[in-house]
Amino acid sequence: MTTIQEEIQQTIQQIVHLEKVASQLRTTKQELETAYDEQDGLLKKLDKELRDVERLEGLTTTSMFYKILGSKEKQLDKERQEYLELSLKTEDIAKTIQLLEYEVNLLEAKSKSKDQLIKVLEGLKIKREEEIIKTDPVLRHQLLGISEQLESNYKLQKEISEAEQIGAICDQLINRIIGLLQKVRNWGQWPGNTSRSRMQRYARRDAIDRARNLSYQIKHHLHLFNQELADLNSNLSVHFDPKAFTNFSTSFFSNLITDWIQNQQLSHAIGSASNTRNQVHHVLQQLDVESTQCKTNIAKLLQDRDHIVSS
């Protein structure tokens, strides 16, 4: 590969990356607007639920009975659970907005250099064309065909690599959240009000909070992984279920709330995270196969080109 060819390949890879950045920027801005709307709706619902809890706490048992509302404690438990669920969702959307705002700023900064790179690439292609014109016309045709295939495979290799990197991050984060929840489940429940039991309950709540904070990061990276796979799907036969990634947050929080309030076993929340991890592993295995094939194609094309040049 000549110096000009190396510069062309490097410039093409940078432009391909910036094209994906521009596409991702548009999508992220739309998602941010949707998240703002969702946050407004959740805050209104949260305010209503808080008023419902405060209203029930102010009623006497007698007035509750005459209003045919059933057990005061039962009603309070229901309202508190609804308030807790909305609180978690509100916190979730706030974290999502924070990540999306950061992502928009980062993508906008990256996308500014694309026009300059395109001009550089055009200049490099002209120089490379002048090199090829000096050779035999037949060899020139063959070399141009190989160069086109190489460019396509280099682009594909870079996209696979980016998808694998995000998938690996997803796998690491999910493993961490499963480890935390398994510890909480194995610790069991501690009755009583001793110093030891209070410390254990605090440790349990701290682990749950850490798991919830990790879930915000997992949701964000699974979304990025989903986007990378969607871009690749037109060029590769990678099979995956997008819902397994996009629905992770809803499934995880639903199971977490149910287990924590009702039986504190966390089995469903762990199962939700484990299923998503299995999906990530399956896709990563397929990407590894495709990456190996891509590298084989590049090696063969380089060999063919070297044979033509040296013959």
C-alpha atoms as a PDB file:
ATOM      1  CA  MET A   1       0.000   0.000   0.000  1.00  0.00           C
ATOM      2  CA  THR A   2       1.423   3.366  -1.041  1.00  0.00           C
ATOM      3  CA  THR A   3       1.464   6.356   1.267  1.00  0.00           C
ATOM      4  CA  ILE A   4      -1.407   7.909  -0.674  1.00  0.00           C
ATOM      5  CA  GLN A   5      -3.498   4.741  -0.339  1.00  0.00           C
ATOM      6  CA  GLU A   6      -2.901   4.633   3.413  1.00  0.00           C
ATOM      7  CA  GLU A   7      -3.971   8.263   3.696  1.00  0.00           C
ATOM      8  CA  ILE A   8      -7.094   7.526   1.643  1.00  0.00           C
ATOM      9  CA  GLN A   9      -8.109   4.599   3.859  1.00  0.00           C
ATOM     10  CA  GLN A  10      -7.564   6.589   7.033  1.00  0.00           C
ATOM     11  CA  THR A  11      -9.546   9.559   5.683  1.00  0.00           C
ATOM     12  CA  ILE A  12     -12.406   7.320   4.521  1.00  0.00           C
ATOM     13  CA  GLN A  13     -12.646   5.747   7.964  1.00  0.00           C
ATOM     14  CA  GLN A  14     -12.823   9.179   9.573  1.00  0.00           C
ATOM     15  CA  ILE A  15     -15.555  10.329   7.158  1.00  0.00           C
ATOM     16  CA  VAL A  16     -17.568   7.153   7.701  1.00  0.00           C
ATOM     17  CA  HIS A  17     -17.355   7.738  11.421  1.00  0.00           C
ATOM     18  CA  LEU A  18     -18.510  11.355  11.065  1.00  0.00           C
ATOM     19  CA  GLU A  19     -21.423  10.313   8.833  1.00  0.00           C
ATOM     20  CA  LYS A  20     -22.585   8.019  11.609  1.00  0.00           C
ATOM     21  CA  VAL A  21     -22.029  10.850  14.091  1.00  0.00           C
ATOM     22  CA  ALA A  22     -24.305  13.162  12.073  1.00  0.00           C
ATOM     23  CA  SER A  23     -27.009  10.495  11.863  1.00  0.00           C
ATOM     24  CA  GLN A  24     -26.713   9.728  15.550  1.00  0.00           C
ATOM     25  CA  LEU A  25     -26.877  13.451  16.359  1.00  0.00           C
ATOM     26  CA  ARG A  26     -30.217  13.813  14.573  1.00  0.00           C
ATOM     27  CA  THR A  27     -31.626  10.767  16.325  1.00  0.00           C
ATOM     28  CA  THR A  28     -30.326  11.844  19.731  1.00  0.00           C
ATOM     29  CA  LYS A  29     -31.868  15.306  19.407  1.00  0.00           C
ATOM     30  CA  GLN A  30     -35.248  13.734  18.631  1.00  0.00           C
ATOM     31  CA  GLU A  31     -34.897  11.416  21.618  1.00  0.00           C
ATOM     32  CA  LEU A  32     -34.002  14.357  23.841  1.00  0.00           C
ATOM     33  CA  GLU A  33     -37.168  16.222  22.834  1.00  0.00           C
ATOM     34  CA  THR A  34     -39.227  13.110  23.552  1.00  0.00           C
ATOM     35  CA  ALA A  35     -37.523  12.712  26.920  1.00  0.00           C
ATOM     36  CA  TYR A  36     -38.333  16.330  27.825  1.00  0.00           C
ATOM     37  CA  ASP A  37     -42.015  15.702  27.057  1.00  0.00           C
ATOM     38  CA  GLU A  38     -42.011  12.476  29.067  1.00  0.00           C
ATOM     39  CA  GLN A  39     -40.380  14.213  32.016  1.00  0.00           C
ATOM     40  CA  ASP A  40     -43.058  16.932  32.032  1.00  0.00           C
ATOM     41  CA  GLY A  41     -45.806  14.298  32.082  1.00  0.00           C
ATOM     42  CA  LEU A  42     -44.162  12.295  34.867  1.00  0.00           C
ATOM     43  CA  LEU A  43     -43.651  15.356  37.060  1.00  0.00           C
ATOM     44  CA  LYS A  44     -47.347  16.212  36.797  1.00  0.00           C
ATOM     45  CA  LYS A  45     -48.344  12.634  37.704  1.00  0.00           C
ATOM     46  CA  LEU A  46     -45.830  12.574  40.556  1.00  0.00           C
ATOM     47  CA  ASP A  47     -47.304  15.754  42.017  1.00  0.00           C
ATOM     48  CA  LYS A  48     -50.806  14.247  41.859  1.00  0.00           C
ATOM     49  CA  GLU A  49     -49.690  11.010  43.542  1.00  0.00           C
ATOM     50  CA  LEU A  50     -48.010  12.970  46.325  1.00  0.00           C
ATOM     51  CA  ARG A  51     -51.227  14.884  46.958  1.00  0.00           C
ATOM     52  CA  ASP A  52     -53.141  11.576  47.055  1.00  0.00           C
ATOM     53  CA  VAL A  53     -50.761  10.186  49.685  1.00  0.00           C
ATOM     54  CA  GLU A  54     -50.976  13.330  51.786  1.00  0.00           C
ATOM     55  CA  ARG A  55     -54.784  13.312  51.512  1.00  0.00           C
ATOM     56  CA  LEU A  56     -55.038   9.703  52.672  1.00  0.00           C
ATOM     57  CA  GLU A  57     -52.617  10.283  55.546  1.00  0.00           C
ATOM     58  CA  GLY A  58     -54.869  13.111  56.768  1.00  0.00           C
ATOM     59  CA  LEU A  59     -58.075  11.037  56.790  1.00  0.00           C
ATOM     60  CA  THR A  60     -59.299   9.220  59.884  1.00  0.00           C
ATOM     61  CA  THR A  61     -60.289   5.573  59.779  1.00  0.00           C
ATOM     62  CA  THR A  62     -63.933   6.482  60.404  1.00  0.00           C
ATOM     63  CA  SER A  63     -64.106   8.913  57.497  1.00  0.00           C
ATOM     64  CA  MET A  64     -62.434   6.362  55.284  1.00  0.00           C
ATOM     65  CA  PHE A  65     -65.079   3.809  56.240  1.00  0.00           C
ATOM     66  CA  TYR A  66     -67.999   6.127  55.511  1.00  0.00           C
ATOM     67  CA  LYS A  67     -66.525   6.966  52.139  1.00  0.00           C
ATOM     68  CA  ILE A  68     -66.350   3.216  51.389  1.00  0.00           C
ATOM     69  CA  LEU A  69     -62.648   3.393  50.604  1.00  0.00           C
ATOM     70  CA  GLY A  70     -61.669   0.260  52.467  1.00  0.00           C
ATOM     71  CA  SER A  71     -58.683  -0.037  54.806  1.00  0.00           C
ATOM     72  CA  LYS A  72     -56.736   3.184  55.289  1.00  0.00           C
ATOM     73  CA  GLU A  73     -53.417   1.321  55.524  1.00  0.00           C
ATOM     74  CA  LYS A  74     -54.224  -0.702  52.428  1.00  0.00           C
ATOM     75  CA  GLN A  75     -55.040   2.458  50.481  1.00  0.00           C
ATOM     76  CA  LEU A  76     -51.870   4.132  51.748  1.00  0.00           C
ATOM     77  CA  ASP A  77     -49.724   1.169  50.711  1.00  0.00           C
ATOM     78  CA  LYS A  78     -51.216   1.325  47.223  1.00  0.00           C
ATOM     79  CA  GLU A  79     -50.693   5.090  46.897  1.00  0.00           C
ATOM     80  CA  ARG A  80     -47.164   4.875  48.287  1.00  0.00           C
ATOM     81  CA  GLN A  81     -46.280   2.108  45.840  1.00  0.00           C
ATOM     82  CA  GLU A  82     -47.632   4.165  42.944  1.00  0.00           C
ATOM     83  CA  TYR A  83     -45.693   7.191  44.186  1.00  0.00           C
ATOM     84  CA  LEU A  84     -42.503   5.100  44.500  1.00  0.00           C
ATOM     85  CA  GLU A  85     -42.890   3.736  40.990  1.00  0.00           C
ATOM     86  CA  LEU A  86     -43.388   7.221  39.545  1.00  0.00           C
ATOM     87  CA  SER A  87     -40.424   8.520  41.556  1.00  0.00           C
ATOM     88  CA  LEU A  88     -38.154   5.859  40.046  1.00  0.00           C
ATOM     89  CA  LYS A  89     -39.435   6.598  36.547  1.00  0.00           C
ATOM     90  CA  THR A  90     -38.907  10.326  37.076  1.00  0.00           C
ATOM     91  CA  GLU A  91     -35.353   9.712  38.260  1.00  0.00           C
ATOM     92  CA  ASP A  92     -34.789   7.413  35.289  1.00  0.00           C
ATOM     93  CA  ILE A  93     -35.910  10.029  32.745  1.00  0.00           C
ATOM     94  CA  ALA A  94     -33.808  12.725  34.458  1.00  0.00           C
ATOM     95  CA  LYS A  95     -30.697  10.531  34.143  1.00  0.00           C
ATOM     96  CA  THR A  96     -31.609   9.776  30.523  1.00  0.00           C
ATOM     97  CA  ILE A  97     -31.920  13.495  29.726  1.00  0.00           C
ATOM     98  CA  GLN A  98     -28.566  14.196  31.351  1.00  0.00           C
ATOM     99  CA  LEU A  99     -26.876  11.538  29.203  1.00  0.00           C
ATOM    100  CA  LEU A 100     -28.641  12.688  26.024  1.00  0.00           C
ATOM    101  CA  GLU A 101     -27.660  16.320  26.570  1.00  0.00           C
ATOM    102  CA  TYR A 102     -24.053  15.275  27.058  1.00  0.00           C
ATOM    103  CA  GLU A 103     -24.249  13.096  23.941  1.00  0.00           C
ATOM    104  CA  VAL A 104     -25.661  15.958  21.810  1.00  0.00           C
ATOM    105  CA  ASN A 105     -22.868  18.316  22.848  1.00  0.00           C
ATOM    106  CA  LEU A 106     -20.235  15.668  22.139  1.00  0.00           C
ATOM    107  CA  LEU A 107     -21.675  14.760  18.725  1.00  0.00           C
ATOM    108  CA  GLU A 108     -22.017  18.389  17.639  1.00  0.00           C
ATOM    109  CA  ALA A 109     -18.351  18.990  18.402  1.00  0.00           C
ATOM    110  CA  LYS A 110     -17.300  15.908  16.410  1.00  0.00           C
ATOM    111  CA  SER A 111     -19.439  16.592  13.319  1.00  0.00           C
ATOM    112  CA  LYS A 112     -17.833  19.942  12.443  1.00  0.00           C
ATOM    113  CA  SER A 113     -14.746  18.514  10.710  1.00  0.00           C
ATOM    114  CA  LYS A 114     -16.540  16.388   8.071  1.00  0.00           C
ATOM    115  CA  ASP A 115     -16.499  18.959   5.202  1.00  0.00           C
ATOM    116  CA  GLN A 116     -12.770  19.494   5.527  1.00  0.00           C
ATOM    117  CA  LEU A 117     -12.112  15.735   5.487  1.00  0.00           C
ATOM    118  CA  ILE A 118     -14.159  15.325   2.294  1.00  0.00           C
ATOM    119  CA  LYS A 119     -11.966  17.925   0.558  1.00  0.00           C
ATOM    120  CA  VAL A 120      -8.835  16.123   1.738  1.00  0.00           C
ATOM    121  CA  LEU A 121     -10.183  12.790   0.440  1.00  0.00           C
ATOM    122  CA  GLU A 122     -10.949  14.233  -3.003  1.00  0.00           C
ATOM    123  CA  GLY A 123      -7.391  15.538  -3.281  1.00  0.00           C
ATOM    124  CA  LEU A 124      -5.952  12.146  -2.273  1.00  0.00           C
ATOM    125  CA  LYS A 125      -8.124  10.334  -4.832  1.00  0.00           C
ATOM    126  CA  ILE A 126      -6.834  12.597  -7.603  1.00  0.00           C
ATOM    127  CA  LYS A 127      -3.241  11.820  -6.657  1.00  0.00           C
ATOM    128  CA  ARG A 128      -3.987   8.094  -6.524  1.00  0.00           C
ATOM    129  CA  GLU A 129      -5.690   8.247  -9.907  1.00  0.00           C
ATOM    130  CA  GLU A 130      -2.575   9.849 -11.394  1.00  0.00           C
ATOM    131  CA  GLU A 131      -0.498   6.982 -10.006  1.00  0.00           C
ATOM    132  CA  ILE A 132      -2.744   4.347 -11.580  1.00  0.00           C
ATOM    133  CA  ILE A 133      -2.928   6.093 -14.980  1.00  0.00           C
ATOM    134  CA  LYS A 134       0.799   5.589 -15.380  1.00  0.00           C
ATOM    135  CA  THR A 135       0.345   1.775 -15.346  1.00  0.00           C
ATOM    136  CA  ASP A 136      -1.027  -0.681 -17.888  1.00  0.00           C
ATOM    137  CA  PRO A 137      -4.777  -0.119 -18.577  1.00  0.00           C
ATOM    138  CA  VAL A 138      -5.636  -3.731 -17.755  1.00  0.00           C
ATOM    139  CA  LEU A 139      -3.802  -3.602 -14.459  1.00  0.00           C
ATOM    140  CA  ARG A 140      -5.356  -0.229 -13.771  1.00  0.00           C
ATOM    141  CA  HIS A 141      -8.848  -1.728 -14.110  1.00  0.00           C
ATOM    142  CA  GLN A 142      -8.008  -4.624 -11.810  1.00  0.00           C
ATOM    143  CA  LEU A 143      -6.433  -2.379  -9.196  1.00  0.00           C
ATOM    144  CA  LEU A 144      -9.413  -0.035  -9.187  1.00  0.00           C
ATOM    145  CA  GLY A 145     -11.735  -2.997  -8.583  1.00  0.00           C
ATOM    146  CA  ILE A 146      -9.600  -4.214  -5.686  1.00  0.00           C
ATOM    147  CA  SER A 147      -9.391  -0.715  -4.217  1.00  0.00           C
ATOM    148  CA  GLU A 148     -13.178  -0.387  -4.216  1.00  0.00           C
ATOM    149  CA  GLN A 149     -13.581  -3.739  -2.458  1.00  0.00           C
ATOM    150  CA  LEU A 150     -10.917  -2.815   0.084  1.00  0.00           C
ATOM    151  CA  GLU A 151     -12.627   0.460   0.881  1.00  0.00           C
ATOM    152  CA  SER A 152     -15.900  -1.400   1.425  1.00  0.00           C
ATOM    153  CA  ASN A 153     -14.286  -3.971   3.723  1.00  0.00           C
ATOM    154  CA  TYR A 154     -12.321  -1.362   5.695  1.00  0.00           C
ATOM    155  CA  LYS A 155     -15.543   0.537   6.292  1.00  0.00           C
ATOM    156  CA  LEU A 156     -17.350  -2.608   7.379  1.00  0.00           C
ATOM    157  CA  GLN A 157     -14.495  -3.638   9.667  1.00  0.00           C
ATOM    158  CA  LYS A 158     -14.553  -0.271  11.438  1.00  0.00           C
ATOM    159  CA  GLU A 159     -18.338  -0.439  11.939  1.00  0.00           C
ATOM    160  CA  ILE A 160     -18.095  -3.969  13.369  1.00  0.00           C
ATOM    161  CA  SER A 161     -15.316  -2.878  15.713  1.00  0.00           C
ATOM    162  CA  GLU A 162     -17.381   0.057  17.012  1.00  0.00           C
ATOM    163  CA  ALA A 163     -20.381  -2.223  17.604  1.00  0.00           C
ATOM    164  CA  GLU A 164     -18.199  -4.758  19.445  1.00  0.00           C
ATOM    165  CA  GLN A 165     -16.766  -2.059  21.713  1.00  0.00           C
ATOM    166  CA  ILE A 166     -20.221  -0.852  22.773  1.00  0.00           C
ATOM    167  CA  GLY A 167     -21.449  -4.438  23.178  1.00  0.00           C
ATOM    168  CA  ALA A 168     -18.513  -5.201  25.477  1.00  0.00           C
ATOM    169  CA  ILE A 169     -19.411  -2.194  27.649  1.00  0.00           C
ATOM    170  CA  CYS A 170     -23.021  -3.423  27.844  1.00  0.00           C
ATOM    171  CA  ASP A 171     -21.820  -6.861  28.911  1.00  0.00           C
ATOM    172  CA  GLN A 172     -19.588  -5.419  31.665  1.00  0.00           C
ATOM    173  CA  LEU A 173     -22.340  -3.178  33.051  1.00  0.00           C
ATOM    174  CA  ILE A 174     -24.941  -5.963  33.065  1.00  0.00           C
ATOM    175  CA  ASN A 175     -22.521  -8.306  34.844  1.00  0.00           C
ATOM    176  CA  ARG A 176     -22.002  -5.670  37.533  1.00  0.00           C
ATOM    177  CA  ILE A 177     -25.732  -5.139  38.077  1.00  0.00           C
ATOM    178  CA  ILE A 178     -26.415  -8.884  38.243  1.00  0.00           C
ATOM    179  CA  GLY A 179     -23.613  -9.283  40.804  1.00  0.00           C
ATOM    180  CA  LEU A 180     -25.112  -6.577  43.018  1.00  0.00           C
ATOM    181  CA  LEU A 181     -28.637  -7.997  42.881  1.00  0.00           C
ATOM    182  CA  GLN A 182     -27.440 -11.544  43.543  1.00  0.00           C
ATOM    183  CA  LYS A 183     -25.650 -10.341  46.679  1.00  0.00           C
ATOM    184  CA  VAL A 184     -28.831  -8.645  47.889  1.00  0.00           C
ATOM    185  CA  ARG A 185     -30.884 -11.769  47.229  1.00  0.00           C
ATOM    186  CA  ASN A 186     -28.376 -14.012  48.996  1.00  0.00           C
ATOM    187  CA  TRP A 187     -28.284 -11.735  52.041  1.00  0.00           C
ATOM    188  CA  GLY A 188     -31.975 -12.425  52.679  1.00  0.00           C
ATOM    189  CA  GLN A 189     -34.117 -10.421  55.106  1.00  0.00           C
ATOM    190  CA  TRP A 190     -33.071  -9.254  58.578  1.00  0.00           C
ATOM    191  CA  PRO A 191     -35.886  -8.730  61.104  1.00  0.00           C
ATOM    192  CA  GLY A 192     -35.462  -6.840  64.329  1.00  0.00           C
ATOM    193  CA  ASN A 193     -34.050  -3.458  65.201  1.00  0.00           C
ATOM    194  CA  THR A 194     -30.539  -4.294  66.379  1.00  0.00           C
ATOM    195  CA  SER A 195     -27.488  -2.341  65.301  1.00  0.00           C
ATOM    196  CA  ARG A 196     -26.412  -5.252  63.093  1.00  0.00           C
ATOM    197  CA  SER A 197     -29.800  -5.557  61.374  1.00  0.00           C
ATOM    198  CA  ARG A 198     -29.957  -1.819  60.736  1.00  0.00           C
ATOM    199  CA  MET A 199     -26.494  -1.874  59.170  1.00  0.00           C
ATOM    200  CA  GLN A 200     -27.460  -4.847  57.020  1.00  0.00           C
ATOM    201  CA  ARG A 201     -30.630  -3.132  55.837  1.00  0.00           C
ATOM    202  CA  TYR A 202     -28.600  -0.047  54.979  1.00  0.00           C
ATOM    203  CA  ALA A 203     -26.122  -2.152  52.993  1.00  0.00           C
ATOM    204  CA  ARG A 204     -29.019  -3.796  51.163  1.00  0.00           C
ATOM    205  CA  ARG A 205     -30.590  -0.455  50.226  1.00  0.00           C
ATOM    206  CA  ASP A 206     -27.186   0.883  49.134  1.00  0.00           C
ATOM    207  CA  ALA A 207     -26.685  -2.103  46.812  1.00  0.00           C
ATOM    208  CA  ILE A 208     -30.150  -1.596  45.315  1.00  0.00           C
ATOM    209  CA  ASP A 209     -29.398   2.092  44.706  1.00  0.00           C
ATOM    210  CA  ARG A 210     -26.096   1.228  43.025  1.00  0.00           C
ATOM    211  CA  ALA A 211     -27.881  -1.301  40.823  1.00  0.00           C
ATOM    212  CA  ARG A 212     -30.471   1.288  39.825  1.00  0.00           C
ATOM    213  CA  ASN A 213     -27.769   3.834  38.959  1.00  0.00           C
ATOM    214  CA  LEU A 214     -26.011   1.231  36.819  1.00  0.00           C
ATOM    215  CA  SER A 215     -29.273   0.521  34.989  1.00  0.00           C
ATOM    216  CA  TYR A 216     -29.320   4.088  33.618  1.00  0.00           C
ATOM    217  CA  GLN A 217     -25.920   3.508  32.032  1.00  0.00           C
ATOM    218  CA  ILE A 218     -26.984   0.102  30.713  1.00  0.00           C
ATOM    219  CA  LYS A 219     -30.093   1.558  29.101  1.00  0.00           C
ATOM    220  CA  HIS A 220     -28.023   4.240  27.366  1.00  0.00           C
ATOM    221  CA  HIS A 221     -25.361   1.841  26.056  1.00  0.00           C
ATOM    222  CA  LEU A 222     -27.913  -0.751  24.952  1.00  0.00           C
ATOM    223  CA  HIS A 223     -29.554   1.974  22.905  1.00  0.00           C
ATOM    224  CA  LEU A 224     -26.212   2.839  21.288  1.00  0.00           C
ATOM    225  CA  PHE A 225     -25.585  -0.885  20.662  1.00  0.00           C
ATOM    226  CA  ASN A 226     -29.018  -1.160  19.049  1.00  0.00           C
ATOM    227  CA  GLN A 227     -28.188   1.732  16.711  1.00  0.00           C
ATOM    228  CA  GLU A 228     -24.853   0.216  15.713  1.00  0.00           C
ATOM    229  CA  LEU A 229     -26.506  -3.128  14.922  1.00  0.00           C
ATOM    230  CA  ALA A 230     -29.258  -1.457  12.925  1.00  0.00           C
ATOM    231  CA  ASP A 231     -26.588   0.265  10.794  1.00  0.00           C
ATOM    232  CA  LEU A 232     -24.772  -3.027  10.291  1.00  0.00           C
ATOM    233  CA  ASN A 233     -27.841  -5.108   9.529  1.00  0.00           C
ATOM    234  CA  SER A 234     -27.973  -3.974   5.899  1.00  0.00           C
ATOM    235  CA  ASN A 235     -24.468  -5.362   5.316  1.00  0.00           C
ATOM    236  CA  LEU A 236     -24.328  -8.337   7.687  1.00  0.00           C
ATOM    237  CA  SER A 237     -26.523 -11.260   8.645  1.00  0.00           C
ATOM    238  CA  VAL A 238     -26.466 -10.442  12.365  1.00  0.00           C
ATOM    239  CA  HIS A 239     -29.686 -11.631  13.999  1.00  0.00           C
ATOM    240  CA  PHE A 240     -30.949  -9.865  17.112  1.00  0.00           C
ATOM    241  CA  ASP A 241     -34.182  -8.752  18.752  1.00  0.00           C
ATOM    242  CA  PRO A 242     -34.216  -4.936  19.115  1.00  0.00           C
ATOM    243  CA  LYS A 243     -36.977  -5.156  21.761  1.00  0.00           C
ATOM    244  CA  ALA A 244     -34.627  -7.080  24.054  1.00  0.00           C
ATOM    245  CA  PHE A 245     -32.510  -3.940  24.254  1.00  0.00           C
ATOM    246  CA  THR A 246     -35.024  -1.096  23.943  1.00  0.00           C
ATOM    247  CA  ASN A 247     -37.348  -2.643  26.555  1.00  0.00           C
ATOM    248  CA  PHE A 248     -34.612  -3.360  29.085  1.00  0.00           C
ATOM    249  CA  SER A 249     -35.307  -0.359  31.338  1.00  0.00           C
ATOM    250  CA  THR A 250     -39.082  -0.933  31.474  1.00  0.00           C
ATOM    251  CA  SER A 251     -38.703  -4.643  32.241  1.00  0.00           C
ATOM    252  CA  PHE A 252     -35.932  -4.155  34.778  1.00  0.00           C
ATOM    253  CA  PHE A 253     -37.657  -1.409  36.782  1.00  0.00           C
ATOM    254  CA  SER A 254     -40.987  -3.233  36.764  1.00  0.00           C
ATOM    255  CA  ASN A 255     -39.400  -6.389  38.153  1.00  0.00           C
ATOM    256  CA  LEU A 256     -37.229  -4.460  40.603  1.00  0.00           C
ATOM    257  CA  ILE A 257     -40.190  -2.577  42.088  1.00  0.00           C
ATOM    258  CA  THR A 258     -42.371  -5.683  42.317  1.00  0.00           C
ATOM    259  CA  ASP A 259     -39.703  -7.842  43.987  1.00  0.00           C
ATOM    260  CA  TRP A 260     -38.480  -5.124  46.336  1.00  0.00           C
ATOM    261  CA  ILE A 261     -41.943  -4.245  47.663  1.00  0.00           C
ATOM    262  CA  GLN A 262     -43.571  -7.671  47.719  1.00  0.00           C
ATOM    263  CA  ASN A 263     -41.014 -10.382  48.463  1.00  0.00           C
ATOM    264  CA  GLN A 264     -37.574  -8.750  48.275  1.00  0.00           C
ATOM    265  CA  GLN A 265     -36.127 -11.753  46.438  1.00  0.00           C
ATOM    266  CA  LEU A 266     -35.173  -9.818  43.256  1.00  0.00           C
ATOM    267  CA  SER A 267     -35.350 -12.975  41.152  1.00  0.00           C
ATOM    268  CA  HIS A 268     -37.333 -11.367  38.349  1.00  0.00           C
ATOM    269  CA  ALA A 269     -35.032  -8.353  38.122  1.00  0.00           C
ATOM    270  CA  ILE A 270     -31.992 -10.653  37.934  1.00  0.00           C
ATOM    271  CA  GLY A 271     -33.742 -12.751  35.290  1.00  0.00           C
ATOM    272  CA  SER A 272     -34.501  -9.647  33.208  1.00  0.00           C
ATOM    273  CA  ALA A 273     -30.867  -8.544  33.285  1.00  0.00           C
ATOM    274  CA  SER A 274     -29.616 -12.095  32.571  1.00  0.00           C
ATOM    275  CA  ASN A 275     -31.844 -12.438  29.508  1.00  0.00           C
ATOM    276  CA  THR A 276     -30.522  -9.164  28.116  1.00  0.00           C
ATOM    277  CA  ARG A 277     -26.944 -10.269  28.806  1.00  0.00           C
ATOM    278  CA  ASN A 278     -27.575 -13.492  26.873  1.00  0.00           C
ATOM    279  CA  GLN A 279     -28.828 -11.462  23.919  1.00  0.00           C
ATOM    280  CA  VAL A 280     -25.685  -9.291  24.038  1.00  0.00           C
ATOM    281  CA  HIS A 281     -23.454 -12.394  24.159  1.00  0.00           C
ATOM    282  CA  HIS A 282     -25.271 -13.919  21.180  1.00  0.00           C
ATOM    283  CA  VAL A 283     -24.843 -10.786  19.066  1.00  0.00           C
ATOM    284  CA  LEU A 284     -21.181 -10.391  20.051  1.00  0.00           C
ATOM    285  CA  GLN A 285     -20.500 -13.959  18.940  1.00  0.00           C
ATOM    286  CA  GLN A 286     -22.067 -13.236  15.557  1.00  0.00           C
ATOM    287  CA  LEU A 287     -20.095 -10.005  15.221  1.00  0.00           C
ATOM    288  CA  ASP A 288     -16.899 -11.910  15.941  1.00  0.00           C
ATOM    289  CA  VAL A 289     -17.656 -14.330  13.090  1.00  0.00           C
ATOM    290  CA  GLU A 290     -18.402 -11.458  10.714  1.00  0.00           C
ATOM    291  CA  SER A 291     -15.262  -9.595  11.786  1.00  0.00           C
ATOM    292  CA  THR A 292     -13.112 -12.669  11.102  1.00  0.00           C
ATOM    293  CA  GLN A 293     -14.650 -13.013   7.644  1.00  0.00           C
ATOM    294  CA  CYS A 294     -14.052  -9.338   6.929  1.00  0.00           C
ATOM    295  CA  LYS A 295     -10.391  -9.617   7.937  1.00  0.00           C
ATOM    296  CA  THR A 296     -10.045 -12.693   5.693  1.00  0.00           C
ATOM    297  CA  ASN A 297     -11.507 -10.748   2.766  1.00  0.00           C
ATOM    298  CA  ILE A 298      -9.114  -7.835   3.336  1.00  0.00           C
ATOM    299  CA  ALA A 299      -6.101 -10.156   3.538  1.00  0.00           C
ATOM    300  CA  LYS A 300      -7.107 -11.853   0.270  1.00  0.00           C
ATOM    301  CA  LEU A 301      -7.638  -8.522  -1.508  1.00  0.00           C
ATOM    302  CA  LEU A 302      -4.291  -7.200  -0.307  1.00  0.00           C
ATOM    303  CA  GLN A 303      -2.634 -10.401  -1.531  1.00  0.00           C
ATOM    304  CA  ASP A 304      -4.278 -10.064  -4.946  1.00  0.00           C
ATOM    305  CA  ARG A 305      -3.182  -6.451  -5.231  1.00  0.00           C
ATOM    306  CA  ASP A 306       0.378  -7.242  -4.186  1.00  0.00           C
ATOM    307  CA  HIS A 307       0.491 -10.013  -6.791  1.00  0.00           C
ATOM    308  CA  ILE A 308      -0.582  -7.599  -9.518  1.00  0.00           C
ATOM    309  CA  VAL A 309       1.881  -4.938  -8.439  1.00  0.00           C
ATOM    310  CA  SER A 310       4.824  -7.340  -8.193  1.00  0.00           C
ATOM    311  CA  SER A 311       4.103  -9.291 -11.377  1.00  0.00           C
END
